[in-house]
């Protein structure tokens, strides 16, 4: 049996889902965004990346100018709300196909 969809908070499942051509949802940060979120076009149709709207500091190499020293999450992750993630998922055409929303 094969999965109909995959979701991920770590990169490895995202890569596997994309390579197996399974619709994949990934909530991603900005530290190394360009190094792991850009696939050849034939794979992008099955990948939904959810990220912060403010990408001005993306690809910082985890040398975040906005990070507080108190072990709080990186702002590029903590700024993604549950509501924004759900909204992105609901309007994603692949999700509509999977759950037959019209």
Protein backbone atom coordinates (compact mmCIF):
# COMPACT_ATOMS: atom_id res chain seq x y z
CA UNK A 1 0.00 0.00 0.00
CA UNK A 2 1.05 3.54 -0.64
CA UNK A 3 0.31 6.69 1.32
CA UNK A 4 -2.03 9.26 -0.22
CA UNK A 5 -0.22 12.20 1.35
CA UNK A 6 2.60 13.08 3.72
CA UNK A 7 3.20 15.93 6.13
CA UNK A 8 6.47 16.80 7.75
CA UNK A 9 8.24 18.98 10.28
CA UNK A 10 11.61 17.42 9.46
CA UNK A 11 13.32 17.40 6.10
CA UNK A 12 13.81 13.67 5.55
CA UNK A 13 10.12 12.79 5.22
CA UNK A 14 9.64 15.77 2.95
CA UNK A 15 12.38 14.55 0.60
CA UNK A 16 11.02 10.99 0.59
CA UNK A 17 7.46 12.14 -0.11
CA UNK A 18 8.60 14.41 -2.94
CA UNK A 19 10.80 11.71 -4.52
CA UNK A 20 7.98 9.15 -4.32
CA UNK A 21 5.64 11.69 -5.96
CA UNK A 22 3.31 11.71 -2.94
CA UNK A 23 1.52 15.00 -2.16
CA UNK A 24 3.66 16.42 0.65
CA UNK A 25 3.07 19.28 3.07
CA UNK A 26 6.07 20.77 4.84
CA UNK A 27 6.21 23.62 7.33
CA UNK A 28 9.63 25.09 6.72
CA UNK A 29 11.94 27.59 8.33
CA UNK A 30 14.24 30.06 6.68
CA UNK A 31 17.69 29.09 7.94
CA UNK A 32 18.60 27.03 4.88
CA UNK A 33 15.46 27.50 2.80
CA UNK A 34 17.03 27.44 -0.68
CA UNK A 35 19.11 24.37 0.07
CA UNK A 36 16.18 22.04 0.76
CA UNK A 37 12.97 23.45 -0.66
CA UNK A 38 13.75 23.75 -4.35
CA UNK A 39 13.16 20.68 -6.46
CA UNK A 40 12.99 20.24 -10.22
CA UNK A 41 9.65 21.44 -11.59
CA UNK A 42 8.29 17.90 -12.11
CA UNK A 43 8.32 17.41 -8.31
CA UNK A 44 6.94 20.80 -7.25
CA UNK A 45 3.37 19.96 -8.21
CA UNK A 46 3.12 17.59 -5.25
CA UNK A 47 4.85 19.78 -2.67
CA UNK A 48 3.22 22.44 -0.53
CA UNK A 49 5.69 24.40 1.56
CA UNK A 50 4.27 26.59 4.29
CA UNK A 51 6.61 29.30 5.49
CA UNK A 52 6.67 32.76 6.98
CA UNK A 53 5.37 35.58 4.79
CA UNK A 54 8.44 37.65 5.65
CA UNK A 55 11.33 36.03 3.81
CA UNK A 56 13.67 39.02 4.04
CA UNK A 57 16.07 37.14 6.30
CA UNK A 58 15.79 33.67 4.72
CA UNK A 59 18.96 31.67 4.07
CA UNK A 60 20.67 33.15 7.12
CA UNK A 61 22.50 29.89 7.80
CA UNK A 62 20.89 29.87 11.26
CA UNK A 63 22.77 33.05 12.20
CA UNK A 64 19.45 34.70 12.96
CA UNK A 65 19.46 38.40 13.71
CA UNK A 66 15.97 38.14 15.27
CA UNK A 67 16.47 35.09 17.51
CA UNK A 68 16.22 35.69 21.22
CA UNK A 69 18.75 33.91 23.44
CA UNK A 70 16.07 32.28 25.61
CA UNK A 71 15.55 29.05 23.60
CA UNK A 72 12.43 30.38 21.88
CA UNK A 73 11.82 29.07 18.37
CA UNK A 74 13.28 30.87 15.41
CA UNK A 75 10.91 33.68 14.38
CA UNK A 76 10.65 32.30 10.83
CA UNK A 77 8.92 29.27 12.36
CA UNK A 78 7.06 30.79 15.29
CA UNK A 79 5.43 33.38 13.00
CA UNK A 80 3.55 30.63 11.12
CA UNK A 81 0.15 30.35 12.75
CA UNK A 82 -1.96 27.22 12.87
CA UNK A 83 -4.70 29.14 11.08
CA UNK A 84 -2.36 30.16 8.25
CA UNK A 85 -1.13 26.58 7.85
CA UNK A 86 -4.66 25.17 7.76
CA UNK A 87 -5.78 27.84 5.29
CA UNK A 88 -2.87 27.00 2.98
CA UNK A 89 -3.62 23.30 3.17
CA UNK A 90 -7.35 23.71 2.50
CA UNK A 91 -6.84 25.78 -0.65
CA UNK A 92 -4.03 23.57 -2.03
CA UNK A 93 -5.42 21.90 -5.18
CA UNK A 94 -3.82 18.53 -4.30
CA UNK A 95 -5.61 18.48 -0.94
CA UNK A 96 -8.90 19.30 -2.60
CA UNK A 97 -8.38 16.28 -4.87
CA UNK A 98 -7.50 14.01 -1.94
CA UNK A 99 -10.57 14.86 0.09
CA UNK A 100 -12.91 15.68 -2.81
CA UNK A 101 -13.63 19.29 -1.88
CA UNK A 102 -15.31 21.30 -4.59
